[in-house]
Amino acid sequence: MYGMFEDEDDVFMGSPKSKLMDIIFNANNDVVRYDLEKFIQRRAAMELLLEKELGAEYDRVIENMLVSEMDAVENKSKSLCIELMGDIVSKSE
């Protein structure tokens, strides 16, 4: 399963980020728009929740986490790419 999270593009698979970009630019435009809007709404809700919980410090906390938990953040980013790809592909079939 580790191979699914590789950063380097190879001939057959590619990284989750590069494959997401391929799907975004090649899938049905309406499906991509819907899922990107849903993704942005979730991001906005999470930021509002963090702001309520942490106040004005939330942005600093995020920046610190990007540095201190770099590997975990990268793995979560890859998982989110895979999740978004799955959402788009499942609706495009």
C-alpha atoms as a PDB file:
ATOM      1  CA  MET A   1       0.000   0.000   0.000  1.00  0.00           C
ATOM      2  CA  TYR A   2       2.936   2.359   0.551  1.00  0.00           C
ATOM      3  CA  GLY A   3       3.438   2.536  -3.200  1.00  0.00           C
ATOM      4  CA  MET A   4       0.099   4.323  -3.528  1.00  0.00           C
ATOM      5  CA  PHE A   5       1.578   7.222  -1.572  1.00  0.00           C
ATOM      6  CA  GLU A   6       4.785   7.590  -3.570  1.00  0.00           C
ATOM      7  CA  ASP A   7       5.650  11.159  -4.529  1.00  0.00           C
ATOM      8  CA  GLU A   8       7.599  10.301  -7.635  1.00  0.00           C
ATOM      9  CA  ASP A   9       5.671   9.989 -10.861  1.00  0.00           C
ATOM     10  CA  ASP A  10       6.187   6.724 -12.657  1.00  0.00           C
ATOM     11  CA  VAL A  11       4.931   5.569 -16.027  1.00  0.00           C
ATOM     12  CA  PHE A  12       1.922   3.648 -14.696  1.00  0.00           C
ATOM     13  CA  MET A  13       0.733   5.346 -11.537  1.00  0.00           C
ATOM     14  CA  GLY A  14       2.033   8.853 -10.835  1.00  0.00           C
ATOM     15  CA  SER A  15       1.639  10.653  -7.556  1.00  0.00           C
ATOM     16  CA  PRO A  16      -1.828  11.200  -6.100  1.00  0.00           C
ATOM     17  CA  LYS A  17      -1.466  14.922  -6.755  1.00  0.00           C
ATOM     18  CA  SER A  18      -0.524  14.479 -10.413  1.00  0.00           C
ATOM     19  CA  LYS A  19      -3.320  11.963 -10.984  1.00  0.00           C
ATOM     20  CA  LEU A  20      -5.834  14.308  -9.348  1.00  0.00           C
ATOM     21  CA  MET A  21      -4.776  17.046 -11.755  1.00  0.00           C
ATOM     22  CA  ASP A  22      -5.200  14.641 -14.696  1.00  0.00           C
ATOM     23  CA  ILE A  23      -8.697  13.771 -13.504  1.00  0.00           C
ATOM     24  CA  ILE A  24      -9.693  17.383 -12.834  1.00  0.00           C
ATOM     25  CA  PHE A  25      -8.692  18.443 -16.343  1.00  0.00           C
ATOM     26  CA  ASN A  26     -10.215  15.420 -18.097  1.00  0.00           C
ATOM     27  CA  ALA A  27     -13.369  14.528 -16.159  1.00  0.00           C
ATOM     28  CA  ASN A  28     -16.841  15.904 -16.699  1.00  0.00           C
ATOM     29  CA  ASN A  29     -16.671  19.635 -15.950  1.00  0.00           C
ATOM     30  CA  ASP A  30     -19.960  19.674 -13.983  1.00  0.00           C
ATOM     31  CA  VAL A  31     -18.800  16.828 -11.746  1.00  0.00           C
ATOM     32  CA  VAL A  32     -15.437  18.487 -11.111  1.00  0.00           C
ATOM     33  CA  ARG A  33     -17.087  21.815 -10.288  1.00  0.00           C
ATOM     34  CA  TYR A  34     -19.527  20.144  -7.878  1.00  0.00           C
ATOM     35  CA  ASP A  35     -16.824  18.227  -6.028  1.00  0.00           C
ATOM     36  CA  LEU A  36     -14.429  21.183  -5.890  1.00  0.00           C
ATOM     37  CA  GLU A  37     -17.204  23.394  -4.504  1.00  0.00           C
ATOM     38  CA  LYS A  38     -17.988  20.739  -1.885  1.00  0.00           C
ATOM     39  CA  PHE A  39     -14.267  20.496  -1.046  1.00  0.00           C
ATOM     40  CA  ILE A  40     -14.013  24.291  -0.635  1.00  0.00           C
ATOM     41  CA  GLN A  41     -17.130  24.390   1.551  1.00  0.00           C
ATOM     42  CA  ARG A  42     -15.627  21.731   3.827  1.00  0.00           C
ATOM     43  CA  ARG A  43     -12.367  23.687   3.988  1.00  0.00           C
ATOM     44  CA  ALA A  44     -14.274  26.859   4.892  1.00  0.00           C
ATOM     45  CA  ALA A  45     -16.213  25.033   7.609  1.00  0.00           C
ATOM     46  CA  MET A  46     -12.993  23.604   9.065  1.00  0.00           C
ATOM     47  CA  GLU A  47     -11.348  27.026   9.098  1.00  0.00           C
ATOM     48  CA  LEU A  48     -14.373  28.568  10.813  1.00  0.00           C
ATOM     49  CA  LEU A  49     -14.342  25.777  13.394  1.00  0.00           C
ATOM     50  CA  LEU A  50     -10.634  26.306  14.049  1.00  0.00           C
ATOM     51  CA  GLU A  51     -11.127  30.038  14.306  1.00  0.00           C
ATOM     52  CA  LYS A  52     -13.924  29.540  16.852  1.00  0.00           C
ATOM     53  CA  GLU A  53     -11.820  27.106  18.877  1.00  0.00           C
ATOM     54  CA  LEU A  54      -8.456  28.872  18.646  1.00  0.00           C
ATOM     55  CA  GLY A  55      -9.371  32.491  17.927  1.00  0.00           C
ATOM     56  CA  ALA A  56      -7.027  34.629  15.888  1.00  0.00           C
ATOM     57  CA  GLU A  57      -4.200  32.184  16.627  1.00  0.00           C
ATOM     58  CA  TYR A  58      -5.592  29.506  14.316  1.00  0.00           C
ATOM     59  CA  ASP A  59      -3.484  30.554  11.328  1.00  0.00           C
ATOM     60  CA  ARG A  60      -0.277  30.429  13.396  1.00  0.00           C
ATOM     61  CA  VAL A  61      -1.250  26.992  14.720  1.00  0.00           C
ATOM     62  CA  ILE A  62      -1.741  25.745  11.154  1.00  0.00           C
ATOM     63  CA  GLU A  63       1.620  27.150  10.053  1.00  0.00           C
ATOM     64  CA  ASN A  64       3.339  25.484  13.022  1.00  0.00           C
ATOM     65  CA  MET A  65       1.678  22.180  12.191  1.00  0.00           C
ATOM     66  CA  LEU A  66       2.841  22.413   8.577  1.00  0.00           C
ATOM     67  CA  VAL A  67       6.400  22.514   9.905  1.00  0.00           C
ATOM     68  CA  SER A  68       6.212  20.230  12.935  1.00  0.00           C
ATOM     69  CA  GLU A  69       3.969  17.552  11.392  1.00  0.00           C
ATOM     70  CA  MET A  70       5.219  17.791   7.810  1.00  0.00           C
ATOM     71  CA  ASP A  71       5.068  14.038   7.109  1.00  0.00           C
ATOM     72  CA  ALA A  72       1.579  13.647   8.559  1.00  0.00           C
ATOM     73  CA  VAL A  73       0.355  16.689   6.627  1.00  0.00           C
ATOM     74  CA  GLU A  74       1.834  15.313   3.398  1.00  0.00           C
ATOM     75  CA  ASN A  75       0.221  11.910   3.955  1.00  0.00           C
ATOM     76  CA  LYS A  76      -3.145  13.541   4.689  1.00  0.00           C
ATOM     77  CA  SER A  77      -2.775  15.683   1.558  1.00  0.00           C
ATOM     78  CA  LYS A  78      -2.230  12.559  -0.507  1.00  0.00           C
ATOM     79  CA  SER A  79      -5.231  10.870   1.105  1.00  0.00           C
ATOM     80  CA  LEU A  80      -7.393  13.898   0.321  1.00  0.00           C
ATOM     81  CA  CYS A  81      -6.240  13.806  -3.304  1.00  0.00           C
ATOM     82  CA  ILE A  82      -7.184  10.140  -3.530  1.00  0.00           C
ATOM     83  CA  GLU A  83     -10.556  10.792  -1.873  1.00  0.00           C
ATOM     84  CA  LEU A  84     -11.350  13.666  -4.242  1.00  0.00           C
ATOM     85  CA  MET A  85     -10.284  11.556  -7.238  1.00  0.00           C
ATOM     86  CA  GLY A  86     -12.602   8.776  -6.092  1.00  0.00           C
ATOM     87  CA  ASP A  87     -15.506  11.192  -5.708  1.00  0.00           C
ATOM     88  CA  ILE A  88     -14.997  12.647  -9.176  1.00  0.00           C
ATOM     89  CA  VAL A  89     -14.389   9.316 -10.934  1.00  0.00           C
ATOM     90  CA  SER A  90     -17.346   7.583  -9.282  1.00  0.00           C
ATOM     91  CA  LYS A  91     -19.711  10.304 -10.526  1.00  0.00           C
ATOM     92  CA  SER A  92     -18.151  10.386 -13.999  1.00  0.00           C
ATOM     93  CA  GLU A  93     -18.825   6.763 -14.847  1.00  0.00           C
END
